[in-house]
Amino acid sequence: DPLALWAANAAAGNPPDAPALELTAPGPVLRALDDLTVAVA
């Protein structure tokens, strides 16, 4: 879903096609190893 990728990257302050994590249900559990700014779309 390119639109969702674009929306997530825009909110995170990235170029539209920047690498991101794509997932489906059941989703992952991710523990932050540093302070991060993220966006989910």
PDB file of all heavy atoms in Angstrom:
ATOM      1  N   ASP A   1       0.858  -1.184   0.000  1.00  0.00           N
ATOM      2  CA  ASP A   1       0.000   0.000   0.000  1.00  0.00           C
ATOM      3  C   ASP A   1       0.898   1.240   0.000  1.00  0.00           C
ATOM      4  O   ASP A   1       1.272   1.747   1.065  1.00  0.00           O
ATOM      5  CB  ASP A   1      -0.916   0.009   1.225  1.00  0.00           C
ATOM      6  CG  ASP A   1      -1.901   1.177   1.219  1.00  0.00           C
ATOM      7  OD1 ASP A   1      -1.751   2.082   0.372  1.00  0.00           O
ATOM      8  OD2 ASP A   1      -2.815   1.182   2.062  1.00  0.00           O
ATOM      9  N   PRO A   2       1.283   1.745  -1.179  1.00  0.00           N
ATOM     10  CA  PRO A   2       2.186   2.900  -1.219  1.00  0.00           C
ATOM     11  C   PRO A   2       1.645   4.116  -0.486  1.00  0.00           C
ATOM     12  O   PRO A   2       2.416   4.860   0.132  1.00  0.00           O
ATOM     13  CB  PRO A   2       2.324   3.172  -2.724  1.00  0.00           C
ATOM     14  CG  PRO A   2       1.992   1.886  -3.397  1.00  0.00           C
ATOM     15  CD  PRO A   2       0.959   1.239  -2.524  1.00  0.00           C
ATOM     16  N   LEU A   3       0.329   4.342  -0.526  1.00  0.00           N
ATOM     17  CA  LEU A   3      -0.230   5.512   0.159  1.00  0.00           C
ATOM     18  C   LEU A   3       0.027   5.445   1.655  1.00  0.00           C
ATOM     19  O   LEU A   3       0.347   6.459   2.287  1.00  0.00           O
ATOM     20  CB  LEU A   3      -1.735   5.619  -0.094  1.00  0.00           C
ATOM     21  CG  LEU A   3      -2.173   6.422  -1.333  1.00  0.00           C
ATOM     22  CD1 LEU A   3      -1.799   5.679  -2.601  1.00  0.00           C
ATOM     23  CD2 LEU A   3      -3.669   6.694  -1.289  1.00  0.00           C
ATOM     24  N   ALA A   4      -0.121   4.263   2.236  1.00  0.00           N
ATOM     25  CA  ALA A   4       0.118   4.117   3.668  1.00  0.00           C
ATOM     26  C   ALA A   4       1.597   4.311   3.988  1.00  0.00           C
ATOM     27  O   ALA A   4       1.945   4.917   5.003  1.00  0.00           O
ATOM     28  CB  ALA A   4      -0.365   2.749   4.135  1.00  0.00           C
ATOM     29  N   LEU A   5       2.482   3.800   3.130  1.00  0.00           N
ATOM     30  CA  LEU A   5       3.918   4.028   3.322  1.00  0.00           C
ATOM     31  C   LEU A   5       4.221   5.517   3.293  1.00  0.00           C
ATOM     32  O   LEU A   5       4.968   6.033   4.136  1.00  0.00           O
ATOM     33  CB  LEU A   5       4.712   3.296   2.248  1.00  0.00           C
ATOM     34  CG  LEU A   5       6.226   3.558   2.236  1.00  0.00           C
ATOM     35  CD1 LEU A   5       6.890   2.948   3.461  1.00  0.00           C
ATOM     36  CD2 LEU A   5       6.853   3.019   0.948  1.00  0.00           C
ATOM     37  N   TRP A   6       3.658   6.226   2.310  1.00  0.00           N
ATOM     38  CA  TRP A   6       3.893   7.661   2.192  1.00  0.00           C
ATOM     39  C   TRP A   6       3.412   8.395   3.439  1.00  0.00           C
ATOM     40  O   TRP A   6       4.084   9.289   3.943  1.00  0.00           O
ATOM     41  CB  TRP A   6       3.194   8.220   0.958  1.00  0.00           C
ATOM     42  CG  TRP A   6       3.645   7.626  -0.340  1.00  0.00           C
ATOM     43  CD1 TRP A   6       4.794   6.924  -0.573  1.00  0.00           C
ATOM     44  CD2 TRP A   6       2.948   7.669  -1.584  1.00  0.00           C
ATOM     45  NE1 TRP A   6       4.856   6.530  -1.885  1.00  0.00           N
ATOM     46  CE2 TRP A   6       3.736   6.972  -2.528  1.00  0.00           C
ATOM     47  CE3 TRP A   6       1.741   8.206  -2.002  1.00  0.00           C
ATOM     48  CZ2 TRP A   6       3.349   6.816  -3.866  1.00  0.00           C
ATOM     49  CZ3 TRP A   6       1.353   8.054  -3.326  1.00  0.00           C
ATOM     50  CH2 TRP A   6       2.155   7.370  -4.240  1.00  0.00           C
ATOM     51  N   ALA A   7       2.227   8.031   3.930  1.00  0.00           N
ATOM     52  CA  ALA A   7       1.657   8.715   5.096  1.00  0.00           C
ATOM     53  C   ALA A   7       2.516   8.486   6.337  1.00  0.00           C
ATOM     54  O   ALA A   7       2.748   9.413   7.125  1.00  0.00           O
ATOM     55  CB  ALA A   7       0.227   8.249   5.336  1.00  0.00           C
ATOM     56  N   ALA A   8       2.978   7.259   6.535  1.00  0.00           N
ATOM     57  CA  ALA A   8       3.823   6.962   7.691  1.00  0.00           C
ATOM     58  C   ALA A   8       5.138   7.728   7.600  1.00  0.00           C
ATOM     59  O   ALA A   8       5.591   8.330   8.588  1.00  0.00           O
ATOM     60  CB  ALA A   8       4.071   5.467   7.792  1.00  0.00           C
ATOM     61  N   ASN A   9       5.758   7.719   6.429  1.00  0.00           N
ATOM     62  CA  ASN A   9       7.036   8.418   6.274  1.00  0.00           C
ATOM     63  C   ASN A   9       6.882   9.930   6.424  1.00  0.00           C
ATOM     64  O   ASN A   9       7.746  10.595   6.998  1.00  0.00           O
ATOM     65  CB  ASN A   9       7.659   8.073   4.922  1.00  0.00           C
ATOM     66  CG  ASN A   9       8.515   6.820   4.974  1.00  0.00           C
ATOM     67  OD1 ASN A   9       9.207   6.574   5.959  1.00  0.00           O
ATOM     68  ND2 ASN A   9       8.483   6.036   3.919  1.00  0.00           N
ATOM     69  N   ALA A  10       5.791  10.485   5.901  1.00  0.00           N
ATOM     70  CA  ALA A  10       5.574  11.927   6.038  1.00  0.00           C
ATOM     71  C   ALA A  10       5.495  12.325   7.509  1.00  0.00           C
ATOM     72  O   ALA A  10       6.089  13.320   7.935  1.00  0.00           O
ATOM     73  CB  ALA A  10       4.297  12.345   5.305  1.00  0.00           C
ATOM     74  N   ALA A  11       4.764  11.534   8.294  1.00  0.00           N
ATOM     75  CA  ALA A  11       4.618  11.850   9.716  1.00  0.00           C
ATOM     76  C   ALA A  11       5.929  11.692  10.476  1.00  0.00           C
ATOM     77  O   ALA A  11       6.162  12.374  11.481  1.00  0.00           O
ATOM     78  CB  ALA A  11       3.544  10.968  10.335  1.00  0.00           C
ATOM     79  N   ALA A  12       6.806  10.784  10.005  1.00  0.00           N
ATOM     80  CA  ALA A  12       8.098  10.566  10.658  1.00  0.00           C
ATOM     81  C   ALA A  12       9.173  11.525  10.157  1.00  0.00           C
ATOM     82  O   ALA A  12      10.299  11.496  10.662  1.00  0.00           O
ATOM     83  CB  ALA A  12       8.547   9.124  10.444  1.00  0.00           C
ATOM     84  N   GLY A  13       8.841  12.351   9.147  1.00  0.00           N
ATOM     85  CA  GLY A  13       9.813  13.295   8.623  1.00  0.00           C
ATOM     86  C   GLY A  13      10.785  12.688   7.642  1.00  0.00           C
ATOM     87  O   GLY A  13      11.931  13.149   7.531  1.00  0.00           O
ATOM     88  N   ASN A  14      10.340  11.660   6.905  1.00  0.00           N
ATOM     89  CA  ASN A  14      11.181  10.969   5.925  1.00  0.00           C
ATOM     90  C   ASN A  14      10.731  11.263   4.504  1.00  0.00           C
ATOM     91  O   ASN A  14       9.584  11.667   4.275  1.00  0.00           O
ATOM     92  CB  ASN A  14      11.106   9.447   6.131  1.00  0.00           C
ATOM     93  CG  ASN A  14      11.681   8.989   7.438  1.00  0.00           C
ATOM     94  OD1 ASN A  14      12.582   9.621   7.987  1.00  0.00           O
ATOM     95  ND2 ASN A  14      11.168   7.880   7.954  1.00  0.00           N
ATOM     96  N   PRO A  15      11.580  11.011   3.503  1.00  0.00           N
ATOM     97  CA  PRO A  15      11.118  11.013   2.115  1.00  0.00           C
ATOM     98  C   PRO A  15      10.017   9.966   1.931  1.00  0.00           C
ATOM     99  O   PRO A  15       9.961   8.975   2.678  1.00  0.00           O
ATOM    100  CB  PRO A  15      12.380  10.647   1.318  1.00  0.00           C
ATOM    101  CG  PRO A  15      13.522  10.971   2.220  1.00  0.00           C
ATOM    102  CD  PRO A  15      13.029  10.737   3.615  1.00  0.00           C
ATOM    103  N   PRO A  16       9.146  10.145   0.944  1.00  0.00           N
ATOM    104  CA  PRO A  16       7.979   9.260   0.812  1.00  0.00           C
ATOM    105  C   PRO A  16       8.313   7.774   0.717  1.00  0.00           C
ATOM    106  O   PRO A  16       7.610   6.939   1.296  1.00  0.00           O
ATOM    107  CB  PRO A  16       7.306   9.755  -0.476  1.00  0.00           C
ATOM    108  CG  PRO A  16       7.746  11.172  -0.614  1.00  0.00           C
ATOM    109  CD  PRO A  16       9.128  11.234  -0.046  1.00  0.00           C
ATOM    110  N   ASP A  17       9.374   7.417  -0.029  1.00  0.00           N
ATOM    111  CA  ASP A  17       9.669   6.009  -0.275  1.00  0.00           C
ATOM    112  C   ASP A  17      10.762   5.460   0.617  1.00  0.00           C
ATOM    113  O   ASP A  17      11.370   4.427   0.305  1.00  0.00           O
ATOM    114  CB  ASP A  17      10.051   5.813  -1.752  1.00  0.00           C
ATOM    115  CG  ASP A  17       8.865   6.024  -2.682  1.00  0.00           C
ATOM    116  OD1 ASP A  17       7.734   5.736  -2.260  1.00  0.00           O
ATOM    117  OD2 ASP A  17       9.062   6.474  -3.826  1.00  0.00           O
ATOM    118  N   ALA A  18      11.050   6.115   1.745  1.00  0.00           N
ATOM    119  CA  ALA A  18      12.076   5.632   2.665  1.00  0.00           C
ATOM    120  C   ALA A  18      11.715   4.246   3.189  1.00  0.00           C
ATOM    121  O   ALA A  18      10.535   3.908   3.349  1.00  0.00           O
ATOM    122  CB  ALA A  18      12.229   6.606   3.833  1.00  0.00           C
ATOM    123  N   PRO A  19      12.715   3.405   3.469  1.00  0.00           N
ATOM    124  CA  PRO A  19      12.431   2.075   4.010  1.00  0.00           C
ATOM    125  C   PRO A  19      11.684   2.153   5.341  1.00  0.00           C
ATOM    126  O   PRO A  19      11.989   2.987   6.203  1.00  0.00           O
ATOM    127  CB  PRO A  19      13.819   1.452   4.200  1.00  0.00           C
ATOM    128  CG  PRO A  19      14.712   2.209   3.266  1.00  0.00           C
ATOM    129  CD  PRO A  19      14.155   3.601   3.228  1.00  0.00           C
ATOM    130  N   ALA A  20      10.702   1.278   5.482  1.00  0.00           N
ATOM    131  CA  ALA A  20       9.896   1.187   6.697  1.00  0.00           C
ATOM    132  C   ALA A  20       9.583  -0.282   6.943  1.00  0.00           C
ATOM    133  O   ALA A  20       9.909  -1.152   6.116  1.00  0.00           O
ATOM    134  CB  ALA A  20       8.611   1.997   6.555  1.00  0.00           C
ATOM    135  N   LEU A  21       8.966  -0.566   8.063  1.00  0.00           N
ATOM    136  CA  LEU A  21       8.539  -1.929   8.351  1.00  0.00           C
ATOM    137  C   LEU A  21       7.107  -2.121   7.857  1.00  0.00           C
ATOM    138  O   LEU A  21       6.234  -1.312   8.144  1.00  0.00           O
ATOM    139  CB  LEU A  21       8.608  -2.223   9.847  1.00  0.00           C
ATOM    140  CG  LEU A  21      10.001  -2.280  10.478  1.00  0.00           C
ATOM    141  CD1 LEU A  21       9.886  -2.555  11.971  1.00  0.00           C
ATOM    142  CD2 LEU A  21      10.857  -3.343   9.817  1.00  0.00           C
ATOM    143  N   GLU A  22       6.890  -3.189   7.111  1.00  0.00           N
ATOM    144  CA  GLU A  22       5.548  -3.571   6.675  1.00  0.00           C
ATOM    145  C   GLU A  22       5.146  -4.814   7.459  1.00  0.00           C
ATOM    146  O   GLU A  22       5.942  -5.732   7.623  1.00  0.00           O
ATOM    147  CB  GLU A  22       5.542  -3.869   5.173  1.00  0.00           C
ATOM    148  CG  GLU A  22       4.170  -4.302   4.653  1.00  0.00           C
ATOM    149  CD  GLU A  22       4.213  -4.706   3.187  1.00  0.00           C
ATOM    150  OE1 GLU A  22       4.589  -5.874   2.908  1.00  0.00           O
ATOM    151  OE2 GLU A  22       3.882  -3.873   2.328  1.00  0.00           O
ATOM    152  N   LEU A  23       3.906  -4.846   7.925  1.00  0.00           N
ATOM    153  CA  LEU A  23       3.466  -5.976   8.743  1.00  0.00           C
ATOM    154  C   LEU A  23       1.997  -6.257   8.517  1.00  0.00           C
ATOM    155  O   LEU A  23       1.259  -5.424   7.982  1.00  0.00           O
ATOM    156  CB  LEU A  23       3.702  -5.669  10.222  1.00  0.00           C
ATOM    157  CG  LEU A  23       3.077  -4.374  10.733  1.00  0.00           C
ATOM    158  CD1 LEU A  23       2.080  -4.655  11.841  1.00  0.00           C
ATOM    159  CD2 LEU A  23       4.165  -3.434  11.219  1.00  0.00           C
ATOM    160  N   THR A  24       1.594  -7.437   8.916  1.00  0.00           N
ATOM    161  CA  THR A  24       0.194  -7.839   8.857  1.00  0.00           C
ATOM    162  C   THR A  24      -0.140  -8.567  10.145  1.00  0.00           C
ATOM    163  O   THR A  24       0.726  -8.793  10.991  1.00  0.00           O
ATOM    164  CB  THR A  24      -0.067  -8.714   7.623  1.00  0.00           C
ATOM    165  OG1 THR A  24      -1.476  -8.903   7.463  1.00  0.00           O
ATOM    166  CG2 THR A  24       0.611 -10.071   7.730  1.00  0.00           C
ATOM    167  N   ALA A  25      -1.405  -8.924  10.336  1.00  0.00           N
ATOM    168  CA  ALA A  25      -1.818  -9.570  11.577  1.00  0.00           C
ATOM    169  C   ALA A  25      -1.546 -11.076  11.523  1.00  0.00           C
ATOM    170  O   ALA A  25      -1.744 -11.692  10.475  1.00  0.00           O
ATOM    171  CB  ALA A  25      -3.309  -9.315  11.823  1.00  0.00           C
ATOM    172  N   PRO A  26      -1.147 -11.663  12.638  1.00  0.00           N
ATOM    173  CA  PRO A  26      -0.789 -11.014  13.896  1.00  0.00           C
ATOM    174  C   PRO A  26       0.530 -10.259  13.778  1.00  0.00           C
ATOM    175  O   PRO A  26       1.481 -10.743  13.156  1.00  0.00           O
ATOM    176  CB  PRO A  26      -0.663 -12.184  14.881  1.00  0.00           C
ATOM    177  CG  PRO A  26      -0.363 -13.369  14.019  1.00  0.00           C
ATOM    178  CD  PRO A  26      -1.065 -13.135  12.723  1.00  0.00           C
ATOM    179  N   GLY A  27       0.563  -9.070  14.356  1.00  0.00           N
ATOM    180  CA  GLY A  27       1.712  -8.190  14.208  1.00  0.00           C
ATOM    181  C   GLY A  27       2.835  -8.507  15.179  1.00  0.00           C
ATOM    182  O   GLY A  27       2.702  -9.343  16.080  1.00  0.00           O
ATOM    183  N   PRO A  28       3.956  -7.819  15.022  1.00  0.00           N
ATOM    184  CA  PRO A  28       5.120  -8.065  15.860  1.00  0.00           C
ATOM    185  C   PRO A  28       5.038  -7.342  17.199  1.00  0.00           C
ATOM    186  O   PRO A  28       4.171  -6.491  17.422  1.00  0.00           O
ATOM    187  CB  PRO A  28       6.267  -7.503  15.016  1.00  0.00           C
ATOM    188  CG  PRO A  28       5.631  -6.357  14.279  1.00  0.00           C
ATOM    189  CD  PRO A  28       4.226  -6.813  13.976  1.00  0.00           C
ATOM    190  N   VAL A  29       5.972  -7.672  18.079  1.00  0.00           N
ATOM    191  CA  VAL A  29       6.234  -6.915  19.300  1.00  0.00           C
ATOM    192  C   VAL A  29       7.666  -6.423  19.198  1.00  0.00           C
ATOM    193  O   VAL A  29       8.602  -7.211  19.060  1.00  0.00           O
ATOM    194  CB  VAL A  29       6.053  -7.778  20.564  1.00  0.00           C
ATOM    195  CG1 VAL A  29       6.437  -6.974  21.811  1.00  0.00           C
ATOM    196  CG2 VAL A  29       4.616  -8.269  20.676  1.00  0.00           C
ATOM    197  N   LEU A  30       7.841  -5.084  19.245  1.00  0.00           N
ATOM    198  CA  LEU A  30       9.145  -4.467  19.028  1.00  0.00           C
ATOM    199  C   LEU A  30       9.508  -3.631  20.254  1.00  0.00           C
ATOM    200  O   LEU A  30       8.729  -2.789  20.688  1.00  0.00           O
ATOM    201  CB  LEU A  30       9.099  -3.566  17.788  1.00  0.00           C
ATOM    202  CG  LEU A  30       8.588  -4.225  16.498  1.00  0.00           C
ATOM    203  CD1 LEU A  30       8.371  -3.177  15.422  1.00  0.00           C
ATOM    204  CD2 LEU A  30       9.560  -5.291  16.021  1.00  0.00           C
ATOM    205  N   ARG A  31      10.699  -3.859  20.795  1.00  0.00           N
ATOM    206  CA  ARG A  31      11.181  -3.093  21.946  1.00  0.00           C
ATOM    207  C   ARG A  31      12.192  -2.060  21.479  1.00  0.00           C
ATOM    208  O   ARG A  31      13.176  -2.391  20.816  1.00  0.00           O
ATOM    209  CB  ARG A  31      11.795  -4.025  22.995  1.00  0.00           C
ATOM    210  CG  ARG A  31      12.382  -3.301  24.210  1.00  0.00           C
ATOM    211  CD  ARG A  31      12.731  -4.286  25.320  1.00  0.00           C
ATOM    212  NE  ARG A  31      13.533  -5.382  24.831  1.00  0.00           N
ATOM    213  CZ  ARG A  31      14.879  -5.359  24.722  1.00  0.00           C
ATOM    214  NH1 ARG A  31      15.545  -4.260  25.070  1.00  0.00           N
ATOM    215  NH2 ARG A  31      15.533  -6.411  24.282  1.00  0.00           N
ATOM    216  N   ALA A  32      11.957  -0.803  21.824  1.00  0.00           N
ATOM    217  CA  ALA A  32      12.834   0.274  21.394  1.00  0.00           C
ATOM    218  C   ALA A  32      14.175   0.185  22.117  1.00  0.00           C
ATOM    219  O   ALA A  32      14.228   0.058  23.348  1.00  0.00           O
ATOM    220  CB  ALA A  32      12.186   1.624  21.661  1.00  0.00           C
ATOM    221  N   LEU A  33      15.255   0.251  21.349  1.00  0.00           N
ATOM    222  CA  LEU A  33      16.606   0.236  21.899  1.00  0.00           C
ATOM    223  C   LEU A  33      17.177   1.641  22.048  1.00  0.00           C
ATOM    224  O   LEU A  33      18.302   1.805  22.516  1.00  0.00           O
ATOM    225  CB  LEU A  33      17.521  -0.611  21.010  1.00  0.00           C
ATOM    226  CG  LEU A  33      17.120  -2.076  20.862  1.00  0.00           C
ATOM    227  CD1 LEU A  33      18.049  -2.789  19.900  1.00  0.00           C
ATOM    228  CD2 LEU A  33      17.110  -2.782  22.220  1.00  0.00           C
ATOM    229  N   ASP A  34      16.419   2.637  21.630  1.00  0.00           N
ATOM    230  CA  ASP A  34      16.827   4.037  21.717  1.00  0.00           C
ATOM    231  C   ASP A  34      15.554   4.872  21.695  1.00  0.00           C
ATOM    232  O   ASP A  34      14.469   4.363  21.385  1.00  0.00           O
ATOM    233  CB  ASP A  34      17.737   4.394  20.538  1.00  0.00           C
ATOM    234  CG  ASP A  34      18.539   5.662  20.772  1.00  0.00           C
ATOM    235  OD1 ASP A  34      18.359   6.287  21.838  1.00  0.00           O
ATOM    236  OD2 ASP A  34      19.332   6.034  19.892  1.00  0.00           O
ATOM    237  N   ASP A  35      15.667   6.144  22.012  1.00  0.00           N
ATOM    238  CA  ASP A  35      14.526   7.042  21.862  1.00  0.00           C
ATOM    239  C   ASP A  35      14.292   7.273  20.372  1.00  0.00           C
ATOM    240  O   ASP A  35      15.221   7.604  19.634  1.00  0.00           O
ATOM    241  CB  ASP A  35      14.789   8.374  22.564  1.00  0.00           C
ATOM    242  CG  ASP A  35      14.865   8.236  24.078  1.00  0.00           C
ATOM    243  OD1 ASP A  35      14.480   7.164  24.595  1.00  0.00           O
ATOM    244  OD2 ASP A  35      15.311   9.189  24.729  1.00  0.00           O
ATOM    245  N   LEU A  36      13.048   7.107  19.944  1.00  0.00           N
ATOM    246  CA  LEU A  36      12.722   7.144  18.516  1.00  0.00           C
ATOM    247  C   LEU A  36      11.493   8.003  18.269  1.00  0.00           C
ATOM    248  O   LEU A  36      10.612   8.107  19.122  1.00  0.00           O
ATOM    249  CB  LEU A  36      12.423   5.728  17.990  1.00  0.00           C
ATOM    250  CG  LEU A  36      13.470   4.648  18.167  1.00  0.00           C
ATOM    251  CD1 LEU A  36      12.859   3.287  17.877  1.00  0.00           C
ATOM    252  CD2 LEU A  36      14.651   4.911  17.238  1.00  0.00           C
ATOM    253  N   THR A  37      11.434   8.572  17.066  1.00  0.00           N
ATOM    254  CA  THR A  37      10.184   9.133  16.557  1.00  0.00           C
ATOM    255  C   THR A  37       9.677   8.187  15.487  1.00  0.00           C
ATOM    256  O   THR A  37      10.393   7.884  14.516  1.00  0.00           O
ATOM    257  CB  THR A  37      10.388  10.535  15.967  1.00  0.00           C
ATOM    258  OG1 THR A  37      10.811  11.420  16.997  1.00  0.00           O
ATOM    259  CG2 THR A  37       9.079  11.068  15.366  1.00  0.00           C
ATOM    260  N   VAL A  38       8.460   7.699  15.656  1.00  0.00           N
ATOM    261  CA  VAL A  38       7.882   6.732  14.727  1.00  0.00           C
ATOM    262  C   VAL A  38       6.504   7.204  14.301  1.00  0.00           C
ATOM    263  O   VAL A  38       5.919   8.118  14.895  1.00  0.00           O
ATOM    264  CB  VAL A  38       7.785   5.318  15.348  1.00  0.00           C
ATOM    265  CG1 VAL A  38       9.138   4.854  15.879  1.00  0.00           C
ATOM    266  CG2 VAL A  38       6.737   5.286  16.456  1.00  0.00           C
ATOM    267  N   ALA A  39       5.982   6.567  13.266  1.00  0.00           N
ATOM    268  CA  ALA A  39       4.602   6.790  12.841  1.00  0.00           C
ATOM    269  C   ALA A  39       4.076   5.490  12.259  1.00  0.00           C
ATOM    270  O   ALA A  39       4.819   4.749  11.598  1.00  0.00           O
ATOM    271  CB  ALA A  39       4.511   7.911  11.814  1.00  0.00           C
ATOM    272  N   VAL A  40       2.816   5.209  12.503  1.00  0.00           N
ATOM    273  CA  VAL A  40       2.167   3.985  12.024  1.00  0.00           C
ATOM    274  C   VAL A  40       1.014   4.379  11.122  1.00  0.00           C
ATOM    275  O   VAL A  40       0.218   5.266  11.462  1.00  0.00           O
ATOM    276  CB  VAL A  40       1.654   3.132  13.200  1.00  0.00           C
ATOM    277  CG1 VAL A  40       0.969   1.869  12.688  1.00  0.00           C
ATOM    278  CG2 VAL A  40       2.796   2.771  14.141  1.00  0.00           C
ATOM    279  N   ALA A  41       0.909   3.740   9.961  1.00  0.00           N
ATOM    280  CA  ALA A  41      -0.187   4.028   9.031  1.00  0.00           C
ATOM    281  C   ALA A  41      -0.575   2.744   8.312  1.00  0.00           C
ATOM    282  O   ALA A  41       0.122   1.738   8.378  1.00  0.00           O
ATOM    283  CB  ALA A  41       0.227   5.107   8.023  1.00  0.00           C
TER     284      ALA A  41
END
